[in-house]
Amino acid sequence: MKLKVHETGMVLGVMVALVHAVWTTMVWLGVGQGYLDWIFTLHSLDNPFIVLQFDLVRSLTLIVVTFVVGYLVGWVFANIWNKVVKK
């Protein structure tokens, strides 16, 4: 099965951007620190990180950058897949 390179990149890009949009929403709502502390506790770790105050520009930059990186990873994955799996 051949993968469509652009579509695969878009799907992965949107998925990782969406995860980070949820994170920035949690920071905006003031629940990011509690969530981060809880996740570290689940892994039997002490959380050394402090969540900064919400900043719209920084949050939008995070979402855009993660979309681009996700798109590139999906694009590379689909190209490699199409070269390895020849049907």
N, C-alpha and C. Protein backbone atom coordinates (compact mmCIF):
# COMPACT_ATOMS: atom_id res chain seq x y z
N MET A 1 0.83 -1.18 0.00
CA MET A 1 0.00 0.00 0.00
C MET A 1 0.88 1.24 0.00
N LYS A 2 0.67 2.10 -0.96
CA LYS A 2 1.45 3.33 -1.07
C LYS A 2 0.76 4.45 -0.27
N LEU A 3 1.55 5.19 0.50
CA LEU A 3 1.01 6.30 1.28
C LEU A 3 1.09 7.60 0.48
N LYS A 4 0.11 8.45 0.65
CA LYS A 4 0.14 9.78 0.06
C LYS A 4 0.98 10.67 0.97
N VAL A 5 2.06 11.19 0.44
CA VAL A 5 3.06 11.90 1.23
C VAL A 5 2.47 13.15 1.89
N HIS A 6 1.81 13.99 1.13
CA HIS A 6 1.26 15.23 1.68
C HIS A 6 0.19 14.95 2.73
N GLU A 7 -0.70 14.02 2.44
CA GLU A 7 -1.78 13.70 3.39
C GLU A 7 -1.23 13.12 4.69
N THR A 8 -0.22 12.26 4.57
CA THR A 8 0.39 11.68 5.78
C THR A 8 1.04 12.78 6.62
N GLY A 9 1.74 13.70 5.96
CA GLY A 9 2.35 14.82 6.67
C GLY A 9 1.30 15.69 7.35
N MET A 10 0.22 15.95 6.64
CA MET A 10 -0.85 16.79 7.21
C MET A 10 -1.49 16.12 8.43
N VAL A 11 -1.76 14.83 8.34
CA VAL A 11 -2.40 14.13 9.47
C VAL A 11 -1.50 14.17 10.70
N LEU A 12 -0.23 13.84 10.53
CA LEU A 12 0.67 13.85 11.68
C LEU A 12 0.88 15.27 12.20
N GLY A 13 1.00 16.24 11.29
CA GLY A 13 1.16 17.63 11.71
C GLY A 13 -0.02 18.12 12.52
N VAL A 14 -1.23 17.84 12.06
CA VAL A 14 -2.43 18.27 12.78
C VAL A 14 -2.53 17.56 14.13
N MET A 15 -2.19 16.27 14.16
CA MET A 15 -2.28 15.53 15.43
C MET A 15 -1.37 16.12 16.50
N VAL A 16 -0.10 16.36 16.16
CA VAL A 16 0.81 16.89 17.18
C VAL A 16 0.50 18.34 17.51
N ALA A 17 0.02 19.10 16.53
CA ALA A 17 -0.39 20.48 16.82
C ALA A 17 -1.59 20.50 17.76
N LEU A 18 -2.52 19.57 17.56
CA LEU A 18 -3.70 19.49 18.41
C LEU A 18 -3.33 19.14 19.86
N VAL A 19 -2.41 18.21 20.02
CA VAL A 19 -1.94 17.86 21.37
C VAL A 19 -1.35 19.10 22.06
N HIS A 20 -0.57 19.87 21.32
CA HIS A 20 0.05 21.05 21.91
C HIS A 20 -0.96 22.19 22.09
N ALA A 21 -1.99 22.23 21.28
CA ALA A 21 -3.06 23.21 21.49
C ALA A 21 -3.80 22.89 22.79
N VAL A 22 -4.01 21.60 23.07
CA VAL A 22 -4.63 21.21 24.33
C VAL A 22 -3.73 21.63 25.50
N TRP A 23 -2.43 21.39 25.37
CA TRP A 23 -1.50 21.79 26.43
C TRP A 23 -1.54 23.29 26.66
N THR A 24 -1.49 24.10 25.60
CA THR A 24 -1.51 25.54 25.79
C THR A 24 -2.83 26.01 26.39
N THR A 25 -3.92 25.32 26.08
CA THR A 25 -5.21 25.64 26.71
C THR A 25 -5.16 25.34 28.20
N MET A 26 -4.52 24.22 28.56
CA MET A 26 -4.38 23.89 29.98
C MET A 26 -3.55 24.94 30.71
N VAL A 27 -2.49 25.43 30.06
CA VAL A 27 -1.66 26.48 30.67
C VAL A 27 -2.49 27.75 30.82
N TRP A 28 -3.24 28.11 29.79
CA TRP A 28 -4.10 29.30 29.82
C TRP A 28 -5.13 29.22 30.95
N LEU A 29 -5.69 28.01 31.16
CA LEU A 29 -6.70 27.82 32.21
C LEU A 29 -6.09 27.70 33.60
N GLY A 30 -4.77 27.61 33.67
CA GLY A 30 -4.09 27.52 34.97
C GLY A 30 -4.01 26.13 35.56
N VAL A 31 -4.24 25.10 34.75
CA VAL A 31 -4.21 23.73 35.26
C VAL A 31 -2.99 22.95 34.75
N GLY A 32 -2.10 23.62 34.02
CA GLY A 32 -0.93 22.96 33.45
C GLY A 32 0.01 22.41 34.50
N GLN A 33 0.29 23.19 35.55
CA GLN A 33 1.23 22.74 36.58
C GLN A 33 0.71 21.50 37.29
N GLY A 34 -0.57 21.51 37.64
CA GLY A 34 -1.16 20.35 38.31
C GLY A 34 -1.10 19.10 37.45
N TYR A 35 -1.38 19.26 36.15
CA TYR A 35 -1.32 18.13 35.22
C TYR A 35 0.11 17.60 35.11
N LEU A 36 1.07 18.51 34.97
CA LEU A 36 2.47 18.11 34.86
C LEU A 36 2.94 17.39 36.12
N ASP A 37 2.57 17.92 37.30
CA ASP A 37 2.92 17.27 38.56
C ASP A 37 2.32 15.87 38.62
N TRP A 38 1.07 15.73 38.19
CA TRP A 38 0.38 14.43 38.22
C TRP A 38 1.07 13.42 37.29
N ILE A 39 1.43 13.86 36.08
CA ILE A 39 2.09 12.97 35.12
C ILE A 39 3.44 12.49 35.68
N PHE A 40 4.21 13.40 36.25
CA PHE A 40 5.50 13.00 36.83
C PHE A 40 5.29 12.03 37.98
N THR A 41 4.28 12.27 38.82
CA THR A 41 3.99 11.38 39.95
C THR A 41 3.63 9.98 39.45
N LEU A 42 2.85 9.89 38.37
CA LEU A 42 2.51 8.59 37.80
C LEU A 42 3.74 7.80 37.39
N HIS A 43 4.80 8.52 37.03
CA HIS A 43 6.04 7.87 36.61
C HIS A 43 7.04 7.74 37.77
N SER A 44 6.54 7.96 39.00
CA SER A 44 7.37 7.88 40.21
C SER A 44 8.55 8.85 40.16
N LEU A 45 8.28 10.05 39.65
CA LEU A 45 9.31 11.08 39.54
C LEU A 45 8.87 12.35 40.25
N ASP A 46 9.86 13.13 40.66
CA ASP A 46 9.59 14.45 41.22
C ASP A 46 9.70 15.45 40.08
N ASN A 47 8.73 16.35 39.96
CA ASN A 47 8.70 17.29 38.86
C ASN A 47 9.65 18.47 39.11
N PRO A 48 10.70 18.58 38.28
CA PRO A 48 11.63 19.71 38.45
C PRO A 48 11.20 20.95 37.65
N PHE A 49 10.10 20.88 36.91
CA PHE A 49 9.70 21.96 36.01
C PHE A 49 8.60 22.82 36.59
N ILE A 50 8.65 24.11 36.25
CA ILE A 50 7.62 25.06 36.66
C ILE A 50 6.99 25.61 35.39
N VAL A 51 5.67 25.54 35.30
CA VAL A 51 4.95 26.05 34.14
C VAL A 51 4.93 27.57 34.21
N LEU A 52 5.35 28.21 33.12
CA LEU A 52 5.37 29.67 33.06
C LEU A 52 3.97 30.22 32.85
N GLN A 53 3.85 31.52 33.03
CA GLN A 53 2.60 32.21 32.79
C GLN A 53 2.25 32.10 31.31
N PHE A 54 0.96 32.01 31.00
CA PHE A 54 0.49 31.89 29.62
C PHE A 54 0.92 33.09 28.80
N ASP A 55 1.44 32.82 27.60
CA ASP A 55 1.82 33.87 26.66
C ASP A 55 1.29 33.45 25.29
N LEU A 56 0.41 34.26 24.71
CA LEU A 56 -0.26 33.91 23.46
C LEU A 56 0.72 33.69 22.31
N VAL A 57 1.69 34.58 22.16
CA VAL A 57 2.65 34.46 21.06
C VAL A 57 3.47 33.18 21.20
N ARG A 58 3.94 32.91 22.42
CA ARG A 58 4.73 31.70 22.66
C ARG A 58 3.88 30.45 22.39
N SER A 59 2.62 30.49 22.80
CA SER A 59 1.73 29.34 22.60
C SER A 59 1.45 29.10 21.12
N LEU A 60 1.17 30.17 20.37
CA LEU A 60 0.93 30.02 18.94
C LEU A 60 2.19 29.53 18.21
N THR A 61 3.34 30.02 18.65
CA THR A 61 4.61 29.56 18.07
C THR A 61 4.80 28.07 18.31
N LEU A 62 4.50 27.62 19.52
CA LEU A 62 4.59 26.19 19.85
C LEU A 62 3.71 25.36 18.93
N ILE A 63 2.48 25.80 18.73
CA ILE A 63 1.53 25.04 17.91
C ILE A 63 2.00 25.01 16.45
N VAL A 64 2.46 26.13 15.93
CA VAL A 64 2.92 26.19 14.54
C VAL A 64 4.18 25.33 14.35
N VAL A 65 5.13 25.46 15.26
CA VAL A 65 6.39 24.71 15.14
C VAL A 65 6.11 23.20 15.23
N THR A 66 5.24 22.79 16.15
CA THR A 66 4.96 21.35 16.26
C THR A 66 4.21 20.84 15.04
N PHE A 67 3.36 21.69 14.44
CA PHE A 67 2.70 21.28 13.20
C PHE A 67 3.73 21.05 12.10
N VAL A 68 4.65 21.99 11.94
CA VAL A 68 5.67 21.88 10.89
C VAL A 68 6.54 20.65 11.10
N VAL A 69 6.99 20.44 12.33
CA VAL A 69 7.82 19.27 12.62
C VAL A 69 7.02 17.99 12.38
N GLY A 70 5.78 17.95 12.83
CA GLY A 70 4.93 16.78 12.61
C GLY A 70 4.72 16.51 11.13
N TYR A 71 4.48 17.58 10.37
CA TYR A 71 4.31 17.43 8.92
C TYR A 71 5.57 16.83 8.30
N LEU A 72 6.73 17.37 8.66
CA LEU A 72 7.99 16.88 8.09
C LEU A 72 8.24 15.41 8.46
N VAL A 73 7.96 15.06 9.69
CA VAL A 73 8.13 13.66 10.11
C VAL A 73 7.19 12.75 9.33
N GLY A 74 5.94 13.16 9.17
CA GLY A 74 4.99 12.38 8.38
C GLY A 74 5.39 12.28 6.93
N TRP A 75 5.89 13.37 6.37
CA TRP A 75 6.34 13.40 4.97
C TRP A 75 7.52 12.45 4.77
N VAL A 76 8.50 12.52 5.67
CA VAL A 76 9.67 11.64 5.59
C VAL A 76 9.23 10.18 5.77
N PHE A 77 8.38 9.94 6.76
CA PHE A 77 7.90 8.57 7.00
C PHE A 77 7.22 8.00 5.76
N ALA A 78 6.33 8.77 5.14
CA ALA A 78 5.60 8.29 3.96
C ALA A 78 6.55 8.02 2.80
N ASN A 79 7.55 8.86 2.61
CA ASN A 79 8.53 8.63 1.55
C ASN A 79 9.34 7.36 1.79
N ILE A 80 9.78 7.18 3.03
CA ILE A 80 10.53 5.96 3.36
C ILE A 80 9.63 4.74 3.17
N TRP A 81 8.40 4.82 3.68
CA TRP A 81 7.44 3.72 3.54
C TRP A 81 7.26 3.34 2.07
N ASN A 82 7.06 4.34 1.24
CA ASN A 82 6.81 4.09 -0.18
C ASN A 82 8.03 3.47 -0.89
N LYS A 83 9.22 3.76 -0.40
CA LYS A 83 10.42 3.16 -0.99
C LYS A 83 10.64 1.73 -0.49
N VAL A 84 10.31 1.49 0.77
CA VAL A 84 10.54 0.17 1.36
C VAL A 84 9.45 -0.81 0.98
N VAL A 85 8.20 -0.37 1.03
CA VAL A 85 7.06 -1.24 0.75
C VAL A 85 6.65 -1.01 -0.70
N LYS A 86 7.14 -1.84 -1.57
CA LYS A 86 6.83 -1.69 -3.00
C LYS A 86 5.82 -2.75 -3.41
N LYS A 87 4.59 -2.31 -3.70
CA LYS A 87 3.55 -3.23 -4.15
C LYS A 87 2.89 -2.69 -5.37
